[in-house]
Amino acid sequence: MEMNVVPWSVRKLGDAFRKQTPYGYAEIGELFEPSVVSEVAAEVESRLGSYPQEKDIYASHRKYRLSSLRDMPERSRDFIAYLNSPAFLAILTDLTGIEGLQPDPELRGGGIHAIGRGGYLKIHTDFNWHSGLSMHRRLNLLVYLNRNWQSDWHGSIELWSADARQRIFSLAPELGNALLFETNDISYHGHPDPLECPEGTFRKSIALYYYTATRPGAGIVFGKSEMTNFVERPTERFVSDKARRIRHRIQLRGKRIAHSFKRGRKG
């Protein structure tokens, strides 16, 4: 699979990505040919019944994920192969300035995502370390696959400030929209409101993550962490799954303290 990516478009998107604070992000849907994304969307829609469902927890509900390339339909595999190819990695480096980017052949946490009516993914930061690769996670790429998505169904991807107190960006999950953003411990994101799409309609996307062997310390507060850090919005309170919430809080607090102590010793 090949894409006709125009250099000036990459430069423009790179300028947009690098000027953002407190972490880089840009809407990059124009890099992908609409006909290709449309074919992938149709294929993903036709296989919805085969995607495994993740366990519901206090901050994630009705989420399905297929991370096995072997089990994916052909056009989806081809599209992901392109997004993980040296040619596209070079584009990502031009966009972000991050050298040495590598894909994840395991698609850990990534691949095809689908969330049904009533589902949500609360505001969070992702794991920043892949122990299988021994590499640091640096970028998230989300490509949306939803025809005729209605705004009153909710589901826009939201980016939040470093203290998770203010929404700074949102993008509707409409067919062909795509978001690239930095992965660290302050890049809060999610689609936190329950979906109000009709039963049987799903919010669908391709999610891919990119890694490097080293990383700067800026934006890291948990050290090498393989945990997701879910947080409440200012007007929100998590009310379910109390034991899991408390356990997560304790584990993350321990990681934060250990990382702070380690940095203090180096200083």
Protein backbone atom coordinates (compact mmCIF):
# COMPACT_ATOMS: atom_id res chain seq x y z
CA MET A 1 0.00 0.00 0.00
CA GLU A 2 1.32 3.45 -0.90
CA MET A 3 0.13 6.96 -0.06
CA ASN A 4 0.80 10.11 -2.04
CA VAL A 5 2.03 12.33 0.78
CA VAL A 6 2.88 15.89 -0.25
CA PRO A 7 6.04 17.28 1.45
CA TRP A 8 4.54 20.73 2.04
CA SER A 9 1.65 19.08 3.87
CA VAL A 10 4.09 17.31 6.19
CA ARG A 11 5.88 20.59 6.87
CA LYS A 12 2.61 22.35 7.65
CA LEU A 13 1.45 19.60 10.00
CA GLY A 14 4.86 19.47 11.63
CA ASP A 15 4.68 23.19 12.37
CA ALA A 16 1.26 22.64 13.94
CA PHE A 17 2.46 19.67 16.01
CA ARG A 18 5.55 21.36 17.40
CA LYS A 19 3.90 24.62 18.40
CA GLN A 20 1.39 22.93 20.72
CA THR A 21 1.79 22.89 24.48
CA PRO A 22 2.13 21.22 26.95
CA TYR A 23 2.74 18.33 24.50
CA GLY A 24 2.74 18.01 20.73
CA TYR A 25 -0.35 17.09 18.74
CA ALA A 26 -1.85 17.60 15.29
CA GLU A 27 -4.83 16.46 13.23
CA ILE A 28 -3.21 14.61 10.30
CA GLY A 29 -6.12 13.05 8.41
CA GLU A 30 -5.07 14.76 5.19
CA LEU A 31 -2.08 12.39 4.98
CA PHE A 32 -4.34 9.44 4.17
CA GLU A 33 -6.21 8.84 0.95
CA PRO A 34 -9.97 8.87 1.61
CA SER A 35 -10.58 5.84 -0.62
CA VAL A 36 -8.14 3.74 1.42
CA VAL A 37 -9.62 4.77 4.77
CA SER A 38 -13.11 4.14 3.41
CA GLU A 39 -12.17 0.60 2.35
CA VAL A 40 -10.66 -0.13 5.76
CA ALA A 41 -13.77 1.26 7.47
CA ALA A 42 -16.10 -0.96 5.45
CA GLU A 43 -13.98 -4.01 6.22
CA VAL A 44 -13.82 -3.23 9.96
CA GLU A 45 -17.58 -2.69 10.07
CA SER A 46 -18.23 -6.05 8.43
CA ARG A 47 -16.25 -7.91 11.12
CA LEU A 48 -17.55 -6.15 14.25
CA GLY A 49 -18.97 -9.33 15.73
CA SER A 50 -15.55 -10.99 15.91
CA TYR A 51 -13.64 -8.46 18.03
CA PRO A 52 -12.82 -9.48 21.63
CA GLN A 53 -14.33 -7.33 24.38
CA GLU A 54 -12.09 -5.90 27.07
CA LYS A 55 -13.08 -6.26 30.70
CA ASP A 56 -15.23 -3.34 31.88
CA ILE A 57 -13.63 -1.29 34.66
CA TYR A 58 -14.50 1.97 36.39
CA ALA A 59 -13.00 4.05 33.55
CA SER A 60 -13.55 1.92 30.43
CA HIS A 61 -16.87 0.47 29.28
CA ARG A 62 -18.02 -1.55 26.25
CA LYS A 63 -14.64 -1.45 24.53
CA TYR A 64 -13.69 -4.08 21.94
CA ARG A 65 -10.15 -4.48 20.64
CA LEU A 66 -8.48 -6.67 18.02
CA SER A 67 -4.68 -6.56 18.28
CA SER A 68 -3.87 -9.74 16.35
CA LEU A 69 -2.72 -8.92 12.83
CA ARG A 70 -3.29 -12.54 11.85
CA ASP A 71 -7.01 -12.22 12.62
CA MET A 72 -7.54 -8.89 10.86
CA PRO A 73 -9.09 -8.51 7.42
CA GLU A 74 -6.75 -7.87 4.50
CA ARG A 75 -7.12 -4.12 3.95
CA SER A 76 -6.76 -3.43 7.67
CA ARG A 77 -3.55 -5.46 7.77
CA ASP A 78 -2.23 -3.59 4.74
CA PHE A 79 -3.10 -0.21 6.22
CA ILE A 80 -1.42 -1.02 9.53
CA ALA A 81 1.62 -2.37 7.65
CA TYR A 82 1.89 0.99 5.88
CA LEU A 83 1.51 2.92 9.14
CA ASN A 84 4.35 0.83 10.60
CA SER A 85 6.55 1.01 7.50
CA PRO A 86 9.93 2.80 7.32
CA ALA A 87 8.40 5.27 4.86
CA PHE A 88 5.67 6.34 7.28
CA LEU A 89 8.05 6.33 10.26
CA ALA A 90 10.18 8.81 8.30
CA ILE A 91 7.10 11.03 7.87
CA LEU A 92 6.43 10.84 11.62
CA THR A 93 10.01 11.89 12.33
CA ASP A 94 9.67 14.83 9.93
CA LEU A 95 6.42 15.81 11.65
CA THR A 96 7.54 15.51 15.25
CA GLY A 97 11.32 15.77 15.26
CA ILE A 98 11.51 12.49 17.18
CA GLU A 99 14.34 10.33 15.84
CA GLY A 100 14.63 6.56 15.98
CA LEU A 101 10.91 5.78 16.00
CA GLN A 102 9.97 2.10 15.91
CA PRO A 103 6.60 0.36 15.51
CA ASP A 104 5.22 -2.33 17.81
CA PRO A 105 4.88 -5.69 16.03
CA GLU A 106 2.75 -6.91 18.96
CA LEU A 107 0.27 -3.99 18.66
CA ARG A 108 0.13 -4.01 22.46
CA GLY A 109 -3.06 -2.12 23.37
CA GLY A 110 -3.48 -1.06 19.74
CA GLY A 111 -5.00 -2.35 16.51
CA ILE A 112 -8.73 -2.07 15.82
CA HIS A 113 -10.82 -0.43 18.55
CA ALA A 114 -14.62 -0.35 18.71
CA ILE A 115 -16.86 1.03 21.46
CA GLY A 116 -20.62 0.56 21.60
CA ARG A 117 -23.58 2.55 22.89
CA GLY A 118 -23.08 3.65 26.49
CA GLY A 119 -19.36 3.02 26.24
CA TYR A 120 -16.60 5.44 27.19
CA LEU A 121 -12.91 5.77 27.88
CA LYS A 122 -12.26 8.20 30.71
CA ILE A 123 -9.48 10.77 30.68
CA HIS A 124 -6.10 9.09 31.14
CA THR A 125 -2.45 8.84 30.27
CA ASP A 126 -1.15 5.60 28.74
CA PHE A 127 1.62 3.23 29.69
CA ASN A 128 4.92 4.82 28.72
CA TRP A 129 7.14 1.70 28.67
CA HIS A 130 6.90 -1.49 26.59
CA SER A 131 8.80 -4.20 28.47
CA GLY A 132 8.57 -6.62 25.53
CA LEU A 133 10.45 -4.17 23.32
CA SER A 134 12.42 -2.52 26.15
CA MET A 135 11.43 0.80 24.60
CA HIS A 136 9.73 4.04 25.54
CA ARG A 137 6.33 4.87 24.06
CA ARG A 138 6.48 8.25 22.34
CA LEU A 139 3.51 8.72 20.00
CA ASN A 140 -0.16 7.74 19.67
CA LEU A 141 -1.86 7.68 16.26
CA LEU A 142 -5.65 7.35 16.03
CA VAL A 143 -7.40 7.03 12.66
CA TYR A 144 -11.21 7.16 12.75
CA LEU A 145 -13.51 4.96 10.68
CA ASN A 146 -17.06 6.23 11.30
CA ARG A 147 -19.37 7.28 8.47
CA ASN A 148 -22.15 9.75 9.27
CA TRP A 149 -21.19 10.08 12.92
CA GLN A 150 -23.58 12.49 14.68
CA SER A 151 -22.26 15.13 17.09
CA ASP A 152 -24.98 14.40 19.67
CA TRP A 153 -23.70 10.82 19.93
CA HIS A 154 -20.58 12.17 21.72
CA GLY A 155 -17.31 10.25 21.17
CA SER A 156 -14.97 13.09 20.17
CA ILE A 157 -11.38 12.44 21.24
CA GLU A 158 -10.39 15.04 23.84
CA LEU A 159 -6.92 16.22 24.82
CA TRP A 160 -6.51 17.76 28.27
CA SER A 161 -3.99 19.98 30.03
CA ALA A 162 -1.01 18.69 32.00
CA ASP A 163 -2.97 18.89 35.26
CA ALA A 164 -6.08 17.29 33.71
CA ARG A 165 -8.17 20.31 34.66
CA GLN A 166 -8.96 21.78 31.24
CA ARG A 167 -9.84 20.38 27.82
CA ILE A 168 -7.50 21.88 25.22
CA PHE A 169 -8.56 20.13 21.99
CA SER A 170 -11.22 17.81 20.61
CA LEU A 171 -11.75 16.02 17.31
CA ALA A 172 -14.89 14.24 16.10
CA PRO A 173 -14.36 10.53 15.28
CA GLU A 174 -15.61 11.02 11.72
CA LEU A 175 -14.35 8.91 8.83
CA GLY A 176 -10.86 10.01 7.79
CA ASN A 177 -10.09 12.17 10.81
CA ALA A 178 -6.78 11.24 12.45
CA LEU A 179 -4.93 12.52 15.51
CA LEU A 180 -1.23 12.22 16.33
CA PHE A 181 -0.01 13.20 19.79
CA GLU A 182 2.89 12.69 22.14
CA THR A 183 2.73 9.92 24.73
CA ASN A 184 3.97 10.86 28.20
CA ASP A 185 2.59 11.18 31.71
CA ILE A 186 0.92 14.55 31.09
CA SER A 187 -0.74 13.88 27.70
CA TYR A 188 -4.22 13.30 29.13
CA HIS A 189 -6.84 12.18 26.64
CA GLY A 190 -10.00 10.11 26.22
CA HIS A 191 -13.66 10.25 25.19
CA PRO A 192 -15.21 10.35 28.65
CA ASP A 193 -18.94 10.81 28.00
CA PRO A 194 -21.06 7.69 27.36
CA LEU A 195 -21.82 7.22 23.68
CA GLU A 196 -25.41 7.90 22.63
CA CYS A 197 -25.20 6.26 19.21
CA PRO A 198 -27.91 3.71 18.33
CA GLU A 199 -27.53 0.20 19.68
CA GLY A 200 -25.50 -1.77 17.16
CA THR A 201 -23.51 1.29 16.04
CA PHE A 202 -19.89 1.44 17.18
CA ARG A 203 -17.22 4.13 17.42
CA LYS A 204 -14.39 2.55 15.43
CA SER A 205 -10.72 3.43 15.00
CA ILE A 206 -7.25 2.18 14.21
CA ALA A 207 -4.83 2.87 17.08
CA LEU A 208 -1.06 2.59 16.71
CA TYR A 209 1.78 3.48 19.05
CA TYR A 210 5.42 4.27 18.32
CA TYR A 211 8.55 3.82 20.43
CA THR A 212 12.17 4.87 20.85
CA ALA A 213 15.12 3.34 22.70
CA THR A 214 15.63 6.50 24.79
CA ARG A 215 13.53 9.50 25.71
CA PRO A 216 13.87 12.90 27.40
CA GLY A 217 12.66 13.11 30.98
CA ALA A 218 10.21 15.95 30.34
CA GLY A 219 6.59 14.95 30.94
CA ILE A 220 7.48 11.73 32.81
CA VAL A 221 6.34 11.42 36.43
CA PHE A 222 5.92 7.64 36.88
CA GLY A 223 9.28 6.41 35.57
CA LYS A 224 8.97 3.32 33.37
CA SER A 225 5.29 2.52 33.78
CA GLU A 226 3.11 -0.11 32.11
CA MET A 227 -0.05 1.20 33.80
CA THR A 228 -2.84 3.44 32.56
CA ASN A 229 -3.44 6.47 34.76
CA PHE A 230 -7.17 7.31 34.75
CA VAL A 231 -8.24 10.61 36.31
CA GLU A 232 -11.54 12.28 37.06
CA ARG A 233 -12.54 15.47 35.33
CA PRO A 234 -13.07 18.46 37.66
CA THR A 235 -16.85 17.86 37.86
CA GLU A 236 -16.67 14.06 37.80
CA ARG A 237 -16.42 11.28 40.39
CA PHE A 238 -15.72 7.63 39.65
CA VAL A 239 -18.37 5.70 41.57
CA SER A 240 -17.86 2.06 40.58
CA ASP A 241 -15.18 -0.59 41.04
CA LYS A 242 -13.83 1.02 44.21
CA ALA A 243 -11.31 -1.70 45.08
CA ARG A 244 -9.67 -1.54 41.64
CA ARG A 245 -9.57 2.26 41.73
CA ILE A 246 -7.87 2.28 45.13
CA ARG A 247 -5.35 -0.34 44.05
CA HIS A 248 -4.50 1.63 40.91
CA ARG A 249 -4.08 4.84 42.93
CA ILE A 250 -1.71 3.16 45.38
CA GLN A 251 0.37 1.56 42.63
CA LEU A 252 0.69 4.79 40.67
CA ARG A 253 1.51 6.81 43.79
CA GLY A 254 4.32 4.36 44.51
CA LYS A 255 5.68 4.77 40.97
CA ARG A 256 5.53 8.56 41.26
CA ILE A 257 7.40 8.56 44.58
CA ALA A 258 10.03 6.11 43.30
CA HIS A 259 10.61 8.16 40.15
CA SER A 260 10.86 11.40 42.13
CA PHE A 261 13.35 9.80 44.54
CA LYS A 262 15.45 8.45 41.66
CA ARG A 263 15.54 11.86 39.98
CA GLY A 264 16.47 13.48 43.28
CA ARG A 265 19.42 11.14 43.74
CA LYS A 266 20.66 11.86 40.21
CA GLY A 267 20.36 15.59 40.85
